[in-house]
Amino acid sequence: MKKLDAYMDSLNDVRDVKAQALSKRLNEDLQNRQRTQERLAFSLARVSPATSLSLATSHLAGTSLRLKNRFADQVRTYQQSFGNFIKEKTGMNTGGFIKIRKSTACGGGGGDTDDAPKPVNPDELPKPVIGAMTLAESIEPALTDIGLLIVYNLLFFAGAFVAFMRYDVR
């Protein structure tokens, strides 16, 4: 039975490595496509001064789409640390398939039985680390929109000045 368990663990390890590699590539491709789409949408939207103001304030307040991407990265990191913790505690890969073990005990009386699993102390679980954005991380992406707002103000002021100078009072 131990040889079968070892063999099944090795198959699970190989399957997990292949599945993680495929999942990583697919997720990376999806993220790249989404970020390209977001960049294009925001570039087109920045034609409007109201959108530039909205994007600048959302970056400064820390509520922009970067927050979502940052949170997803932190969740991915926590999932990896939690998976490592579970593998360390149980010695098994929890890759999605359930391993069924046969016991030779008949009706709960005598024979070789598996040891009862020890309860996990909740204090031992890895803690998620959710870091707040620093001021520099908030200001950097907002500078583009603030610069666009300055350019819009200069253009609109120049247009109003030229229109005022051309106006004939007569």
Protein backbone atom coordinates (compact mmCIF):
# COMPACT_ATOMS: atom_id res chain seq x y z
CA MET A 1 0.00 0.00 0.00
CA LYS A 2 2.89 2.36 0.76
CA LYS A 3 4.35 1.72 -2.69
CA LEU A 4 1.00 2.53 -4.27
CA ASP A 5 0.75 5.73 -2.22
CA ALA A 6 4.27 6.73 -3.24
CA TYR A 7 3.45 6.01 -6.88
CA MET A 8 0.21 8.00 -6.68
CA ASP A 9 2.06 10.90 -5.02
CA SER A 10 4.62 10.91 -7.83
CA LEU A 11 1.81 10.94 -10.42
CA ASN A 12 0.11 13.77 -8.54
CA ASP A 13 3.37 15.73 -8.45
CA VAL A 14 3.87 15.34 -12.22
CA ARG A 15 0.24 16.25 -12.91
CA ASP A 16 0.43 19.28 -10.62
CA VAL A 17 3.60 20.56 -12.28
CA LYS A 18 2.04 20.26 -15.74
CA ALA A 19 -1.26 21.78 -14.63
CA GLN A 20 0.47 24.68 -12.88
CA ALA A 21 2.63 25.39 -15.93
CA LEU A 22 -0.41 25.44 -18.22
CA SER A 23 -2.45 27.49 -15.75
CA LYS A 24 0.39 29.97 -15.32
CA ARG A 25 0.72 30.46 -19.08
CA LEU A 26 -3.03 30.85 -19.56
CA ASN A 27 -3.38 33.30 -16.67
CA GLU A 28 -0.40 35.31 -17.88
CA ASP A 29 -1.85 35.49 -21.39
CA LEU A 30 -5.23 36.56 -20.00
CA GLN A 31 -3.66 39.23 -17.80
CA ASN A 32 -1.59 40.58 -20.69
CA ARG A 33 -4.66 40.83 -22.92
CA GLN A 34 -6.73 42.49 -20.19
CA ARG A 35 -4.01 45.02 -19.42
CA THR A 36 -3.60 45.84 -23.11
CA GLN A 37 -7.35 46.34 -23.39
CA GLU A 38 -7.38 48.55 -20.27
CA ARG A 39 -4.48 50.66 -21.56
CA LEU A 40 -6.23 51.21 -24.89
CA ALA A 41 -9.52 52.09 -23.20
CA PHE A 42 -7.88 54.54 -20.79
CA SER A 43 -5.83 56.11 -23.59
CA LEU A 44 -8.99 56.78 -25.59
CA ALA A 45 -10.87 57.99 -22.53
CA ARG A 46 -8.15 60.49 -21.61
CA VAL A 47 -9.31 62.69 -24.49
CA SER A 48 -11.90 63.98 -22.04
CA PRO A 49 -10.64 66.27 -19.26
CA ALA A 50 -13.29 64.88 -16.90
CA THR A 51 -11.91 61.37 -17.36
CA SER A 52 -8.37 62.59 -16.76
CA LEU A 53 -9.50 64.23 -13.53
CA SER A 54 -11.36 61.09 -12.47
CA LEU A 55 -8.37 58.85 -13.21
CA ALA A 56 -5.93 61.19 -11.42
CA THR A 57 -8.08 61.34 -8.30
CA SER A 58 -8.64 57.56 -8.27
CA HIS A 59 -4.88 56.98 -8.47
CA LEU A 60 -4.22 59.47 -5.66
CA ALA A 61 -6.98 57.96 -3.51
CA GLY A 62 -5.64 54.44 -4.13
CA THR A 63 -8.87 53.16 -5.66
CA SER A 64 -7.77 52.67 -9.26
CA LEU A 65 -7.53 49.41 -11.19
CA ARG A 66 -3.97 49.04 -9.94
CA LEU A 67 -5.51 48.15 -6.58
CA LYS A 68 -7.31 45.19 -8.16
CA ASN A 69 -4.12 43.97 -9.85
CA ARG A 70 -2.13 44.41 -6.65
CA PHE A 71 -4.72 42.50 -4.62
CA ALA A 72 -4.76 39.63 -7.17
CA ASP A 73 -0.96 39.37 -6.93
CA GLN A 74 -1.10 39.28 -3.13
CA VAL A 75 -3.82 36.60 -3.18
CA ARG A 76 -1.72 34.48 -5.55
CA THR A 77 1.25 34.77 -3.20
CA TYR A 78 -0.91 33.78 -0.22
CA GLN A 79 -2.33 30.78 -2.08
CA GLN A 80 1.19 29.53 -2.75
CA SER A 81 2.24 29.94 0.87
CA PHE A 82 -0.96 28.23 2.08
CA GLY A 83 -0.41 25.34 -0.34
CA ASN A 84 3.16 24.94 0.91
CA PHE A 85 1.90 24.99 4.50
CA ILE A 86 -0.67 22.26 3.78
CA LYS A 87 1.91 20.12 2.00
CA GLU A 88 4.33 20.57 4.91
CA LYS A 89 1.70 19.64 7.50
CA THR A 90 0.00 16.76 5.70
CA GLY A 91 2.79 15.58 3.43
CA MET A 92 0.33 15.37 0.56
CA ASN A 93 -0.27 17.40 -2.52
CA THR A 94 -3.80 18.71 -2.53
CA GLY A 95 -3.89 19.08 -6.27
CA GLY A 96 -7.57 18.42 -6.74
CA PHE A 97 -7.84 14.63 -6.72
CA ILE A 98 -8.88 12.85 -3.57
CA LYS A 99 -6.74 9.96 -2.49
CA ILE A 100 -8.78 7.11 -1.05
CA ARG A 101 -6.95 4.92 1.42
CA LYS A 102 -8.14 1.50 2.35
CA SER A 103 -8.02 0.44 5.95
CA THR A 104 -7.72 -3.19 6.99
CA ALA A 105 -9.83 -2.56 10.06
CA CYS A 106 -13.14 -4.39 9.99
CA GLY A 107 -15.91 -2.32 11.42
CA GLY A 108 -13.57 -0.27 13.59
CA GLY A 109 -12.23 -3.12 15.62
CA GLY A 110 -8.50 -3.95 15.63
CA GLY A 111 -6.15 -4.28 12.69
CA ASP A 112 -3.82 -1.76 11.09
CA THR A 113 -5.44 1.65 10.91
CA ASP A 114 -4.21 4.99 9.71
CA ASP A 115 -3.27 7.42 12.43
CA ALA A 116 -5.93 9.98 13.15
CA PRO A 117 -4.98 13.34 11.67
CA LYS A 118 -3.75 15.85 14.18
CA PRO A 119 -5.81 19.01 14.39
CA VAL A 120 -4.22 22.08 12.81
CA ASN A 121 -3.53 24.96 15.13
CA PRO A 122 -5.09 28.07 13.54
CA ASP A 123 -2.20 30.16 14.86
CA GLU A 124 0.17 28.19 12.62
CA LEU A 125 -1.68 29.12 9.43
CA PRO A 126 0.21 31.62 7.28
CA LYS A 127 -1.10 35.14 7.60
CA PRO A 128 -2.08 37.03 4.45
CA VAL A 129 0.03 40.12 3.87
CA ILE A 130 -2.03 42.94 2.40
CA GLY A 131 0.23 45.95 2.03
CA ALA A 132 -1.08 49.46 1.52
CA MET A 133 0.07 51.51 -1.44
CA THR A 134 2.75 54.07 -0.67
CA LEU A 135 2.45 57.71 -1.65
CA ALA A 136 5.05 57.30 -4.39
CA GLU A 137 3.11 54.36 -5.87
CA SER A 138 -0.04 56.51 -5.92
CA ILE A 139 1.51 59.65 -7.38
CA GLU A 140 3.49 58.06 -10.21
CA PRO A 141 0.53 56.91 -12.37
CA ALA A 142 -1.43 60.08 -11.54
CA LEU A 143 1.27 62.33 -13.00
CA THR A 144 0.21 61.50 -16.58
CA ASP A 145 -3.35 62.59 -15.92
CA ILE A 146 -2.27 65.67 -13.97
CA GLY A 147 -0.01 66.64 -16.88
CA LEU A 148 -2.91 66.19 -19.30
CA LEU A 149 -5.09 68.40 -17.10
CA ILE A 150 -2.44 71.13 -17.19
CA VAL A 151 -2.21 70.87 -20.98
CA TYR A 152 -6.03 71.01 -21.28
CA ASN A 153 -6.12 74.13 -19.08
CA LEU A 154 -3.48 75.84 -21.20
CA LEU A 155 -5.25 74.92 -24.45
CA PHE A 156 -8.66 76.06 -23.23
CA PHE A 157 -7.23 79.29 -21.82
CA ALA A 158 -5.43 80.01 -25.10
CA GLY A 159 -8.62 79.27 -27.07
CA ALA A 160 -10.67 81.56 -24.83
CA PHE A 161 -8.03 84.31 -25.05
CA VAL A 162 -7.91 84.14 -28.85
CA ALA A 163 -11.72 84.16 -29.06
CA PHE A 164 -11.86 87.15 -26.72
CA MET A 165 -9.25 89.08 -28.75
CA ARG A 166 -11.14 88.42 -32.00
CA TYR A 167 -14.44 89.53 -30.55
CA ASP A 168 -15.60 92.80 -32.06
CA VAL A 169 -17.39 94.99 -29.53
CA ARG A 170 -19.11 97.22 -32.15
